[in-house]
C-alpha atoms as a PDB file:
ATOM      1  CA  MET A   1      11.837  10.317 -17.751  1.00  0.00           C
ATOM      2  CA  GLN A   2       7.882   9.451 -16.520  1.00  0.00           C
ATOM      3  CA  SER A   3       5.740   8.117 -19.537  1.00  0.00           C
ATOM      4  CA  GLN A   4       2.786  10.780 -20.614  1.00  0.00           C
ATOM      5  CA  GLN A   5       0.200   7.735 -20.166  1.00  0.00           C
ATOM      6  CA  TYR A   6       1.579   7.798 -16.372  1.00  0.00           C
ATOM      7  CA  GLN A   7       1.561  11.936 -15.715  1.00  0.00           C
ATOM      8  CA  ILE A   8      -2.338  11.092 -17.509  1.00  0.00           C
ATOM      9  CA  ASN A   9      -2.869   8.644 -14.885  1.00  0.00           C
ATOM     10  CA  LEU A  10      -1.551  10.697 -12.302  1.00  0.00           C
ATOM     11  CA  LEU A  11      -4.013  13.574 -12.793  1.00  0.00           C
ATOM     12  CA  ALA A  12      -6.575  11.366 -12.952  1.00  0.00           C
ATOM     13  CA  MET A  13      -5.720  10.192  -9.476  1.00  0.00           C
ATOM     14  CA  GLN A  14      -6.287  13.799  -8.297  1.00  0.00           C
ATOM     15  CA  LEU A  15      -8.902  14.671  -9.750  1.00  0.00           C
ATOM     16  CA  VAL A  16     -10.403  11.602  -8.371  1.00  0.00           C
ATOM     17  CA  LEU A  17      -9.458  12.043  -4.709  1.00  0.00           C
ATOM     18  CA  PHE A  18     -10.586  15.915  -4.876  1.00  0.00           C
ATOM     19  CA  GLY A  19     -13.858  15.007  -6.121  1.00  0.00           C
ATOM     20  CA  CYS A  20     -13.725  15.838  -9.845  1.00  0.00           C
ATOM     21  CA  SER A  21     -15.653  14.019 -12.644  1.00  0.00           C
ATOM     22  CA  TRP A  22     -13.449  12.409 -15.160  1.00  0.00           C
ATOM     23  CA  SER A  23     -14.511   9.747 -17.831  1.00  0.00           C
ATOM     24  CA  PRO A  24     -13.520   6.118 -16.858  1.00  0.00           C
ATOM     25  CA  GLY A  25     -11.549   5.429 -20.413  1.00  0.00           C
ATOM     26  CA  MET A  26      -8.809   8.068 -19.872  1.00  0.00           C
ATOM     27  CA  VAL A  27      -8.001   5.994 -16.601  1.00  0.00           C
ATOM     28  CA  TRP A  28      -7.875   2.110 -15.318  1.00  0.00           C
ATOM     29  CA  GLY A  29     -10.145   0.525 -14.140  1.00  0.00           C
ATOM     30  CA  GLU A  30     -13.639   1.589 -13.078  1.00  0.00           C
ATOM     31  CA  VAL A  31     -12.251   5.103 -11.247  1.00  0.00           C
ATOM     32  CA  ARG A  32     -14.386   7.180 -11.149  1.00  0.00           C
ATOM     33  CA  THR A  33     -16.903  10.435  -9.599  1.00  0.00           C
ATOM     34  CA  ASP A  34     -20.682  10.009 -10.074  1.00  0.00           C
ATOM     35  CA  VAL A  35     -22.397  13.325 -11.222  1.00  0.00           C
ATOM     36  CA  SER A  36     -24.536  12.880  -8.014  1.00  0.00           C
ATOM     37  CA  SER A  37     -21.928  13.250  -5.944  1.00  0.00           C
ATOM     38  CA  VAL A  38     -20.446  17.143  -7.568  1.00  0.00           C
ATOM     39  CA  GLY A  39     -20.744  20.092  -5.761  1.00  0.00           C
ATOM     40  CA  GLU A  40     -21.205  17.447  -2.433  1.00  0.00           C
ATOM     41  CA  SER A  41     -19.210  18.668   0.493  1.00  0.00           C
ATOM     42  CA  GLY A  42     -16.909  16.127   0.888  1.00  0.00           C
ATOM     43  CA  GLN A  43     -17.806  15.822   4.243  1.00  0.00           C
ATOM     44  CA  LEU A  44     -19.044  13.100   6.283  1.00  0.00           C
ATOM     45  CA  ASN A  45     -20.236  11.882  10.366  1.00  0.00           C
ATOM     46  CA  VAL A  46     -19.626   8.140  10.579  1.00  0.00           C
ATOM     47  CA  ALA A  47     -20.783   6.213  13.527  1.00  0.00           C
ATOM     48  CA  THR A  48     -19.074   2.724  14.329  1.00  0.00           C
ATOM     49  CA  CYS A  49     -21.130   0.369  16.455  1.00  0.00           C
ATOM     50  CA  GLN A  50     -20.324  -2.464  18.671  1.00  0.00           C
ATOM     51  CA  PHE A  51     -22.447  -4.879  20.185  1.00  0.00           C
ATOM     52  CA  PRO A  52     -22.384  -8.415  21.753  1.00  0.00           C
ATOM     53  CA  VAL A  53     -23.725 -10.422  18.210  1.00  0.00           C
ATOM     54  CA  SER A  54     -25.645 -13.995  19.057  1.00  0.00           C
ATOM     55  CA  SER A  55     -27.849 -16.709  17.369  1.00  0.00           C
ATOM     56  CA  ASP A  56     -30.395 -14.363  18.491  1.00  0.00           C
ATOM     57  CA  ILE A  57     -31.934 -12.858  15.110  1.00  0.00           C
ATOM     58  CA  SER A  58     -34.309 -10.672  16.948  1.00  0.00           C
ATOM     59  CA  GLU A  59     -31.774  -9.409  20.203  1.00  0.00           C
ATOM     60  CA  ASN A  60     -29.105  -8.340  17.647  1.00  0.00           C
ATOM     61  CA  ALA A  61     -32.052  -6.893  15.683  1.00  0.00           C
ATOM     62  CA  THR A  62     -33.079  -4.660  19.089  1.00  0.00           C
ATOM     63  CA  TRP A  63     -29.335  -3.635  19.531  1.00  0.00           C
ATOM     64  CA  ILE A  64     -28.879  -2.671  15.689  1.00  0.00           C
ATOM     65  CA  ARG A  65     -32.165  -0.417  15.976  1.00  0.00           C
ATOM     66  CA  LYS A  66     -30.957   1.071  20.133  1.00  0.00           C
ATOM     67  CA  GLN A  67     -27.440   2.091  18.476  1.00  0.00           C
ATOM     68  CA  LEU A  68     -28.829   3.561  15.204  1.00  0.00           C
ATOM     69  CA  ARG A  69     -31.303   5.767  17.452  1.00  0.00           C
ATOM     70  CA  GLU A  70     -27.993   6.603  19.383  1.00  0.00           C
ATOM     71  CA  ALA A  71     -25.767   7.373  16.583  1.00  0.00           C
ATOM     72  CA  ALA A  72     -28.630   9.336  14.794  1.00  0.00           C
ATOM     73  CA  GLU A  73     -28.950  11.397  18.133  1.00  0.00           C
ATOM     74  CA  GLN A  74     -25.384  11.914  17.588  1.00  0.00           C
ATOM     75  CA  ASP A  75     -25.827  13.546  14.057  1.00  0.00           C
ATOM     76  CA  ALA A  76     -24.402  10.551  12.895  1.00  0.00           C
ATOM     77  CA  GLN A  77     -25.136  10.330   8.607  1.00  0.00           C
ATOM     78  CA  ILE A  78     -23.752   6.677   7.985  1.00  0.00           C
ATOM     79  CA  ILE A  79     -23.754   3.888  10.585  1.00  0.00           C
ATOM     80  CA  HIS A  80     -21.490   1.028  10.287  1.00  0.00           C
ATOM     81  CA  PHE A  81     -22.358  -2.457  12.071  1.00  0.00           C
ATOM     82  CA  SER A  82     -20.214  -5.627  12.304  1.00  0.00           C
ATOM     83  CA  GLU A  83     -20.159  -8.558  10.474  1.00  0.00           C
ATOM     84  CA  THR A  84     -23.154 -10.960  10.521  1.00  0.00           C
ATOM     85  CA  ALA A  85     -24.476  -8.127  13.226  1.00  0.00           C
ATOM     86  CA  LEU A  86     -27.905  -9.001  12.206  1.00  0.00           C
ATOM     87  CA  SER A  87     -27.682 -13.131  11.865  1.00  0.00           C
ATOM     88  CA  GLY A  88     -24.871 -14.224  14.152  1.00  0.00           C
ATOM     89  CA  TYR A  89     -21.642 -16.142  12.453  1.00  0.00           C
ATOM     90  CA  ALA A  90     -22.253 -19.384  11.693  1.00  0.00           C
ATOM     91  CA  GLY A  91     -19.807 -21.851  13.061  1.00  0.00           C
ATOM     92  CA  VAL A  92     -19.097 -19.491  16.056  1.00  0.00           C
ATOM     93  CA  ASP A  93     -22.448 -17.715  17.181  1.00  0.00           C
ATOM     94  CA  GLN A  94     -24.272 -20.583  16.079  1.00  0.00           C
ATOM     95  CA  PRO A  95     -23.040 -24.533  14.857  1.00  0.00           C
ATOM     96  CA  ASP A  96     -24.136 -23.732  11.383  1.00  0.00           C
ATOM     97  CA  MET A  97     -26.937 -22.279   9.012  1.00  0.00           C
ATOM     98  CA  SER A  98     -29.428 -25.601   8.778  1.00  0.00           C
ATOM     99  CA  ASP A  99     -32.283 -24.420  10.870  1.00  0.00           C
ATOM    100  CA  TYR A 100     -31.461 -20.559  10.164  1.00  0.00           C
ATOM    101  CA  ASP A 101     -35.034 -18.586  10.693  1.00  0.00           C
ATOM    102  CA  TRP A 102     -35.452 -16.788   7.512  1.00  0.00           C
ATOM    103  CA  ASN A 103     -38.537 -15.553   8.258  1.00  0.00           C
ATOM    104  CA  LEU A 104     -37.471 -13.840  11.275  1.00  0.00           C
ATOM    105  CA  HIS A 105     -34.397 -12.392   9.531  1.00  0.00           C
ATOM    106  CA  ALA A 106     -36.259 -10.755   6.709  1.00  0.00           C
ATOM    107  CA  ILE A 107     -38.955  -9.245   9.148  1.00  0.00           C
ATOM    108  CA  GLU A 108     -36.402  -7.748  11.461  1.00  0.00           C
ATOM    109  CA  LEU A 109     -34.726  -6.736   8.480  1.00  0.00           C
ATOM    110  CA  LYS A 110     -37.631  -4.409   6.962  1.00  0.00           C
ATOM    111  CA  SER A 111     -37.913  -3.378  10.454  1.00  0.00           C
ATOM    112  CA  ILE A 112     -34.249  -1.778  10.453  1.00  0.00           C
ATOM    113  CA  LEU A 113     -34.956  -0.655   6.784  1.00  0.00           C
ATOM    114  CA  GLU A 114     -38.028   1.469   8.118  1.00  0.00           C
ATOM    115  CA  LEU A 115     -36.043   2.796  11.003  1.00  0.00           C
ATOM    116  CA  ALA A 116     -33.200   4.146   8.456  1.00  0.00           C
ATOM    117  CA  ARG A 117     -35.630   5.902   6.476  1.00  0.00           C
ATOM    118  CA  LYS A 118     -37.295   7.376   9.487  1.00  0.00           C
ATOM    119  CA  LEU A 119     -34.082   8.725  10.905  1.00  0.00           C
ATOM    120  CA  LYS A 120     -32.689   9.311   7.701  1.00  0.00           C
ATOM    121  CA  VAL A 121     -29.448   7.917   7.748  1.00  0.00           C
ATOM    122  CA  TRP A 122     -27.186   5.461   5.783  1.00  0.00           C
ATOM    123  CA  VAL A 123     -26.369   1.884   7.225  1.00  0.00           C
ATOM    124  CA  VAL A 124     -23.843  -0.667   6.553  1.00  0.00           C
ATOM    125  CA  LEU A 125     -25.293  -3.663   8.330  1.00  0.00           C
ATOM    126  CA  GLY A 126     -23.168  -6.995   8.312  1.00  0.00           C
ATOM    127  CA  SER A 127     -25.563 -10.624   7.743  1.00  0.00           C
ATOM    128  CA  VAL A 128     -25.669 -13.082   6.305  1.00  0.00           C
ATOM    129  CA  HIS A 129     -27.570 -12.912   2.455  1.00  0.00           C
ATOM    130  CA  ARG A 130     -29.741 -16.289   1.644  1.00  0.00           C
ATOM    131  CA  LEU A 131     -29.124 -17.526  -2.426  1.00  0.00           C
ATOM    132  CA  SER A 132     -31.003 -20.350  -4.310  1.00  0.00           C
ATOM    133  CA  GLU A 133     -31.742 -23.504  -2.856  1.00  0.00           C
ATOM    134  CA  GLY A 134     -28.683 -25.562  -2.634  1.00  0.00           C
ATOM    135  CA  HIS A 135     -26.451 -22.746  -2.750  1.00  0.00           C
ATOM    136  CA  LYS A 136     -24.635 -21.694   0.680  1.00  0.00           C
ATOM    137  CA  PRO A 137     -25.481 -18.156   1.616  1.00  0.00           C
ATOM    138  CA  HIS A 138     -23.336 -15.299   1.586  1.00  0.00           C
ATOM    139  CA  ASN A 139     -21.389 -13.541   4.325  1.00  0.00           C
ATOM    140  CA  SER A 140     -22.607  -9.793   3.329  1.00  0.00           C
ATOM    141  CA  LEU A 141     -22.706  -6.354   4.038  1.00  0.00           C
ATOM    142  CA  TYR A 142     -25.632  -4.294   3.099  1.00  0.00           C
ATOM    143  CA  VAL A 143     -25.575  -1.118   1.895  1.00  0.00           C
ATOM    144  CA  ILE A 144     -28.963   0.975   3.275  1.00  0.00           C
ATOM    145  CA  ASN A 145     -29.431   4.507   1.649  1.00  0.00           C
ATOM    146  CA  ASP A 146     -31.671   7.247   3.864  1.00  0.00           C
ATOM    147  CA  GLN A 147     -34.314   5.727   2.053  1.00  0.00           C
ATOM    148  CA  GLY A 148     -34.763   2.491   3.683  1.00  0.00           C
ATOM    149  CA  GLU A 149     -33.531   1.068   0.430  1.00  0.00           C
ATOM    150  CA  VAL A 150     -30.621  -1.651   0.171  1.00  0.00           C
ATOM    151  CA  ILE A 151     -28.980  -0.271  -2.698  1.00  0.00           C
ATOM    152  CA  ASP A 152     -25.899  -2.522  -3.035  1.00  0.00           C
ATOM    153  CA  ARG A 153     -24.139  -5.272  -1.385  1.00  0.00           C
ATOM    154  CA  TYR A 154     -20.619  -6.885  -0.776  1.00  0.00           C
ATOM    155  CA  ASP A 155     -19.868 -10.305  -0.002  1.00  0.00           C
ATOM    156  CA  LYS A 156     -17.088 -11.656   1.390  1.00  0.00           C
ATOM    157  CA  ARG A 157     -14.629 -12.356  -1.034  1.00  0.00           C
ATOM    158  CA  PHE A 158     -12.093 -14.372   1.081  1.00  0.00           C
ATOM    159  CA  CYS A 159     -13.876 -16.526   3.086  1.00  0.00           C
ATOM    160  CA  THR A 160     -11.589 -18.893   6.028  1.00  0.00           C
ATOM    161  CA  SER A 161     -11.619 -22.735   5.145  1.00  0.00           C
ATOM    162  CA  GLY A 162     -14.190 -22.319   8.430  1.00  0.00           C
ATOM    163  CA  ASP A 163     -16.253 -19.622   6.205  1.00  0.00           C
ATOM    164  CA  LEU A 164     -16.157 -22.058   3.527  1.00  0.00           C
ATOM    165  CA  ARG A 165     -18.403 -24.642   5.268  1.00  0.00           C
ATOM    166  CA  HIS A 166     -21.356 -22.131   5.827  1.00  0.00           C
ATOM    167  CA  PHE A 167     -20.776 -19.488   3.449  1.00  0.00           C
ATOM    168  CA  SER A 168     -20.170 -18.646  -0.983  1.00  0.00           C
ATOM    169  CA  PRO A 169     -17.876 -16.911  -1.624  1.00  0.00           C
ATOM    170  CA  GLY A 170     -18.428 -12.901  -2.976  1.00  0.00           C
ATOM    171  CA  ASP A 171     -16.719 -11.949  -6.510  1.00  0.00           C
ATOM    172  CA  HIS A 172     -17.164  -8.059  -7.274  1.00  0.00           C
ATOM    173  CA  PHE A 173     -16.268  -4.839  -5.327  1.00  0.00           C
ATOM    174  CA  VAL A 174     -18.613  -2.340  -4.090  1.00  0.00           C
ATOM    175  CA  THR A 175     -18.338   1.533  -4.283  1.00  0.00           C
ATOM    176  CA  PHE A 176     -20.793   4.116  -3.073  1.00  0.00           C
ATOM    177  CA  GLU A 177     -20.950   7.900  -2.455  1.00  0.00           C
ATOM    178  CA  VAL A 178     -22.480   9.930   0.105  1.00  0.00           C
ATOM    179  CA  ARG A 179     -22.371  13.394   0.731  1.00  0.00           C
ATOM    180  CA  GLY A 180     -19.385  13.277  -2.244  1.00  0.00           C
ATOM    181  CA  VAL A 181     -17.258  10.519  -0.245  1.00  0.00           C
ATOM    182  CA  ARG A 182     -16.650   7.631  -2.041  1.00  0.00           C
ATOM    183  CA  CYS A 183     -16.899   4.319   0.143  1.00  0.00           C
ATOM    184  CA  GLY A 184     -15.295   0.931   0.202  1.00  0.00           C
ATOM    185  CA  LEU A 185     -16.642  -2.595   1.720  1.00  0.00           C
ATOM    186  CA  LEU A 186     -14.322  -5.499   2.976  1.00  0.00           C
ATOM    187  CA  ILE A 187     -15.156  -8.102   5.667  1.00  0.00           C
ATOM    188  CA  CYS A 188     -12.518  -9.460   8.007  1.00  0.00           C
ATOM    189  CA  TYR A 189     -10.411 -11.965   6.601  1.00  0.00           C
ATOM    190  CA  ASP A 190     -10.243 -10.034   3.467  1.00  0.00           C
ATOM    191  CA  ILE A 191      -7.667  -7.397   5.632  1.00  0.00           C
ATOM    192  CA  ARG A 192      -5.166 -10.200   4.858  1.00  0.00           C
ATOM    193  CA  PHE A 193      -5.085  -9.456   1.245  1.00  0.00           C
ATOM    194  CA  PRO A 194      -3.930  -5.826   0.533  1.00  0.00           C
ATOM    195  CA  GLU A 195      -4.303  -6.475  -2.919  1.00  0.00           C
ATOM    196  CA  LEU A 196      -8.381  -5.809  -2.491  1.00  0.00           C
ATOM    197  CA  TYR A 197      -7.039  -2.336  -0.468  1.00  0.00           C
ATOM    198  CA  ARG A 198      -5.156  -1.494  -3.598  1.00  0.00           C
ATOM    199  CA  GLU A 199      -7.996  -1.754  -6.004  1.00  0.00           C
ATOM    200  CA  TYR A 200     -10.328   0.166  -3.700  1.00  0.00           C
ATOM    201  CA  SER A 201      -7.603   2.697  -4.147  1.00  0.00           C
ATOM    202  CA  LYS A 202      -7.416   2.655  -8.023  1.00  0.00           C
ATOM    203  CA  ARG A 203     -11.148   2.756  -7.809  1.00  0.00           C
ATOM    204  CA  GLY A 204     -10.890   6.587  -5.672  1.00  0.00           C
ATOM    205  CA  VAL A 205     -12.203   4.862  -2.356  1.00  0.00           C
ATOM    206  CA  ARG A 206     -11.576   7.548   0.554  1.00  0.00           C
ATOM    207  CA  LEU A 207     -13.233   6.013   3.188  1.00  0.00           C
ATOM    208  CA  MET A 208     -13.407   1.791   3.872  1.00  0.00           C
ATOM    209  CA  PHE A 209     -15.984   0.138   6.316  1.00  0.00           C
ATOM    210  CA  HIS A 210     -14.590  -3.224   7.316  1.00  0.00           C
ATOM    211  CA  SER A 211     -16.322  -5.362   9.480  1.00  0.00           C
ATOM    212  CA  PHE A 212     -15.008  -7.770  11.418  1.00  0.00           C
ATOM    213  CA  HIS A 213     -15.788 -11.009  13.671  1.00  0.00           C
ATOM    214  CA  ASN A 214     -13.170 -11.558  16.083  1.00  0.00           C
ATOM    215  CA  ALA A 215     -14.813 -12.410  19.427  1.00  0.00           C
ATOM    216  CA  ARG A 216     -15.532 -15.481  21.290  1.00  0.00           C
ATOM    217  CA  GLN A 217     -11.354 -15.990  21.014  1.00  0.00           C
ATOM    218  CA  LYS A 218      -9.256 -17.694  23.783  1.00  0.00           C
ATOM    219  CA  PRO A 219      -7.524 -14.844  26.314  1.00  0.00           C
ATOM    220  CA  ASP A 220      -4.239 -15.000  24.620  1.00  0.00           C
ATOM    221  CA  ALA A 221      -5.325 -15.119  20.673  1.00  0.00           C
ATOM    222  CA  ILE A 222      -3.155 -13.222  18.541  1.00  0.00           C
ATOM    223  CA  HIS A 223      -5.979 -11.116  16.687  1.00  0.00           C
ATOM    224  CA  PRO A 224      -6.089  -7.914  19.037  1.00  0.00           C
ATOM    225  CA  LYS A 225      -2.578  -7.763  18.611  1.00  0.00           C
ATOM    226  CA  ILE A 226      -2.425  -7.505  14.921  1.00  0.00           C
ATOM    227  CA  MET A 227      -5.224  -6.367  13.727  1.00  0.00           C
ATOM    228  CA  PRO A 228      -4.698  -2.509  14.594  1.00  0.00           C
ATOM    229  CA  PRO A 229      -1.194  -2.497  12.848  1.00  0.00           C
ATOM    230  CA  THR A 230      -2.665  -4.130  10.390  1.00  0.00           C
ATOM    231  CA  ALA A 231      -4.935  -2.047   9.854  1.00  0.00           C
ATOM    232  CA  GLN A 232      -3.436   0.965  10.356  1.00  0.00           C
ATOM    233  CA  ALA A 233      -1.067   0.137   7.721  1.00  0.00           C
ATOM    234  CA  ARG A 234      -4.097  -0.569   5.265  1.00  0.00           C
ATOM    235  CA  ALA A 235      -5.128   3.043   5.781  1.00  0.00           C
ATOM    236  CA  ALA A 236      -2.199   4.894   5.904  1.00  0.00           C
ATOM    237  CA  THR A 237      -0.460   3.087   2.629  1.00  0.00           C
ATOM    238  CA  ASN A 238      -3.974   3.783   0.864  1.00  0.00           C
ATOM    239  CA  GLY A 239      -4.678   7.108   1.779  1.00  0.00           C
ATOM    240  CA  MET A 240      -8.229   6.198   3.295  1.00  0.00           C
ATOM    241  CA  PHE A 241      -9.977   6.467   6.821  1.00  0.00           C
ATOM    242  CA  LEU A 242     -11.224   3.385   7.843  1.00  0.00           C
ATOM    243  CA  SER A 243     -13.992   2.578  10.235  1.00  0.00           C
ATOM    244  CA  MET A 244     -13.555  -0.899  11.797  1.00  0.00           C
ATOM    245  CA  ASN A 245     -15.550  -2.699  14.548  1.00  0.00           C
ATOM    246  CA  ASN A 246     -16.487  -6.032  15.580  1.00  0.00           C
ATOM    247  CA  SER A 247     -18.543  -8.027  18.068  1.00  0.00           C
ATOM    248  CA  CYS A 248     -18.036  -7.220  21.623  1.00  0.00           C
ATOM    249  CA  VAL A 249     -18.652 -11.195  22.836  1.00  0.00           C
ATOM    250  CA  LYS A 250     -15.861 -11.813  25.423  1.00  0.00           C
ATOM    251  CA  HIS A 251     -12.886 -11.825  24.283  1.00  0.00           C
ATOM    252  CA  SER A 252     -12.345  -9.493  21.138  1.00  0.00           C
ATOM    253  CA  TRP A 253     -10.907  -6.161  20.214  1.00  0.00           C
ATOM    254  CA  ALA A 254     -11.808  -2.698  20.536  1.00  0.00           C
ATOM    255  CA  SER A 255     -14.085  -0.997  17.381  1.00  0.00           C
ATOM    256  CA  MET A 256     -11.773   1.752  16.414  1.00  0.00           C
ATOM    257  CA  PHE A 257     -11.773   5.089  13.657  1.00  0.00           C
ATOM    258  CA  ILE A 258      -8.617   5.706  11.669  1.00  0.00           C
ATOM    259  CA  THR A 259      -7.386   8.370   9.559  1.00  0.00           C
ATOM    260  CA  PRO A 260      -5.276   8.485   6.482  1.00  0.00           C
ATOM    261  CA  ASP A 261      -2.029   8.929   8.153  1.00  0.00           C
ATOM    262  CA  GLY A 262      -2.442   5.514   9.886  1.00  0.00           C
ATOM    263  CA  LEU A 263      -3.190   6.871  13.446  1.00  0.00           C
ATOM    264  CA  ILE A 264      -5.714   5.420  15.777  1.00  0.00           C
ATOM    265  CA  ARG A 265      -8.304   8.866  16.406  1.00  0.00           C
ATOM    266  CA  GLU A 266     -10.557   6.605  18.375  1.00  0.00           C
ATOM    267  CA  ARG A 267     -11.460   3.512  20.228  1.00  0.00           C
ATOM    268  CA  LEU A 268     -14.600   1.875  21.764  1.00  0.00           C
ATOM    269  CA  GLU A 269     -13.966  -0.476  24.877  1.00  0.00           C
ATOM    270  CA  THR A 270     -13.356  -3.411  24.411  1.00  0.00           C
ATOM    271  CA  ASP A 271     -15.688  -5.881  25.128  1.00  0.00           C
ATOM    272  CA  LYS A 272     -18.153  -3.803  26.218  1.00  0.00           C
ATOM    273  CA  PRO A 273     -21.259  -2.240  23.382  1.00  0.00           C
ATOM    274  CA  GLY A 274     -20.523   1.421  22.046  1.00  0.00           C
ATOM    275  CA  VAL A 275     -21.022   3.806  19.476  1.00  0.00           C
ATOM    276  CA  MET A 276     -18.628   6.503  18.089  1.00  0.00           C
ATOM    277  CA  VAL A 277     -19.179   9.262  15.632  1.00  0.00           C
ATOM    278  CA  ASN A 278     -16.380  10.553  14.125  1.00  0.00           C
ATOM    279  CA  SER A 279     -16.154  13.197  10.838  1.00  0.00           C
ATOM    280  CA  VAL A 280     -14.355  12.590   7.795  1.00  0.00           C
ATOM    281  CA  ASP A 281     -13.242  15.789   5.682  1.00  0.00           C
ATOM    282  CA  VAL A 282     -11.730  14.652   2.066  1.00  0.00           C
ATOM    283  CA  GLU A 283     -10.505  17.837   1.793  1.00  0.00           C
ATOM    284  CA  LYS A 284      -8.166  17.907   5.637  1.00  0.00           C
ATOM    285  CA  GLU A 285      -4.300  17.019   4.597  1.00  0.00           C
ATOM    286  CA  TYR A 286      -3.059  14.332   6.550  1.00  0.00           C
ATOM    287  CA  TYR A 287       0.325  13.231   6.399  1.00  0.00           C
ATOM    288  CA  ASP A 288       0.758  10.342   3.558  1.00  0.00           C
ATOM    289  CA  ALA A 289       4.189   9.763   2.839  1.00  0.00           C
ATOM    290  CA  SER A 290       3.489   7.369  -0.365  1.00  0.00           C
ATOM    291  CA  GLN A 291       0.758   9.304  -1.671  1.00  0.00           C
ATOM    292  CA  PRO A 292       3.987  11.270  -4.558  1.00  0.00           C
ATOM    293  CA  TYR A 293       4.293   7.534  -5.809  1.00  0.00           C
ATOM    294  CA  ARG A 294       1.190   5.270  -5.000  1.00  0.00           C
ATOM    295  CA  LEU A 295       0.085   5.699  -8.706  1.00  0.00           C
ATOM    296  CA  GLN A 296       2.917   4.567 -10.104  1.00  0.00           C
ATOM    297  CA  SER A 297       3.458   1.658  -7.894  1.00  0.00           C
ATOM    298  CA  ILE A 298      -0.106   0.726  -8.143  1.00  0.00           C
ATOM    299  CA  GLU A 299       0.619   0.222 -11.741  1.00  0.00           C
ATOM    300  CA  GLY A 300       4.046  -1.612 -11.577  1.00  0.00           C
ATOM    301  CA  VAL A 301       6.960   1.097 -11.688  1.00  0.00           C
ATOM    302  CA  TRP A 302       8.622   0.379  -7.944  1.00  0.00           C
ATOM    303  CA  ASN A 303      10.913   2.964  -7.846  1.00  0.00           C
ATOM    304  CA  SER A 304      11.064   6.964  -7.236  1.00  0.00           C
ATOM    305  CA  GLY A 305      13.159   9.189  -9.739  1.00  0.00           C
ATOM    306  CA  GLU A 306      14.730   8.324 -12.982  1.00  0.00           C
ATOM    307  CA  ILE A 307      16.563   4.880 -13.161  1.00  0.00           C
ATOM    308  CA  VAL A 308      20.787   5.636 -14.666  1.00  0.00           C
ATOM    309  CA  ASP A 309      22.143   3.581 -16.989  1.00  0.00           C
ATOM    310  CA  ASP A 310      25.543   2.957 -15.859  1.00  0.00           C
ATOM    311  CA  GLU A 311      27.597  -0.381 -15.395  1.00  0.00           C
ATOM    312  CA  ARG A 312      28.581   0.053 -11.552  1.00  0.00           C
ATOM    313  CA  SER A 313      24.653   0.103 -10.619  1.00  0.00           C
ATOM    314  CA  SER A 314      24.424  -3.118 -13.001  1.00  0.00           C
ATOM    315  CA  ASP A 315      27.162  -5.132 -12.228  1.00  0.00           C
ATOM    316  CA  ARG A 316      26.042  -6.218  -8.925  1.00  0.00           C
ATOM    317  CA  HIS A 317      29.328  -7.944  -8.294  1.00  0.00           C
ATOM    318  CA  CYS A 318      31.365  -5.250  -7.960  1.00  0.00           C
ATOM    319  CA  TYR A 319      32.491  -2.800  -4.758  1.00  0.00           C
END
């Protein structure tokens, strides 16, 4: 029989997924619904953007402002940019961070914050984030609200060996809510670690913003082949919407938006700048084969149904 605690936790997960409040002390981890989100629609227009990220901070910022306006004209409420969209990617777009112009970075970032406030849109912006003297910067995603304020920042947790030459890894998850939709953040290489998605699932995330920089690759690179199915599996096995984008410098793979059933709803053109706006509705039902047992699997119960006590089951040498 399923334990009483499991039944309680299952109810808690269902309440979180459908936007109801629940005391964190009654559930594992930090699953919660912010008071401010109660009564919100659970519907959100999401813009997924791609442009050719370069080492030129001002050129990147020009693209970002252009696509902010374009997305706002399409009624986007939150606008998502790729990994290191403002700064360019150390080790790829530029050799390292030694000559990075932090003063120009601050000027351009402030202009983006001001435009977000003017357009009244939320923004998920990829950029480097400066640390104190003697420490490598973070590879980050800034969460900017519709008042033009940075309200949180996710720092790439899993850095590749190449990343670690230029960046300091992060140490925290980030969740936030817009119009009753709980959102999470990840960056590029993080996709190789399904445990991160599982943790976000425990925290009630329904929409993941996953930013990438898989550009400037060789024509026969494996990433364009494996990234879409990997992302589709992450979305489907965790019941999440997934906005994933990329720099579109040749050769890349196209940004896409995936629904909780694992289907790609829309994708942009490969190696070309673009903006697409997709709607999220957390009340809409999608095919979700693992939903009945997802919570118990997360908690370490790795079978469905009731285990039988039978010697022919326990004896694995008989036939």
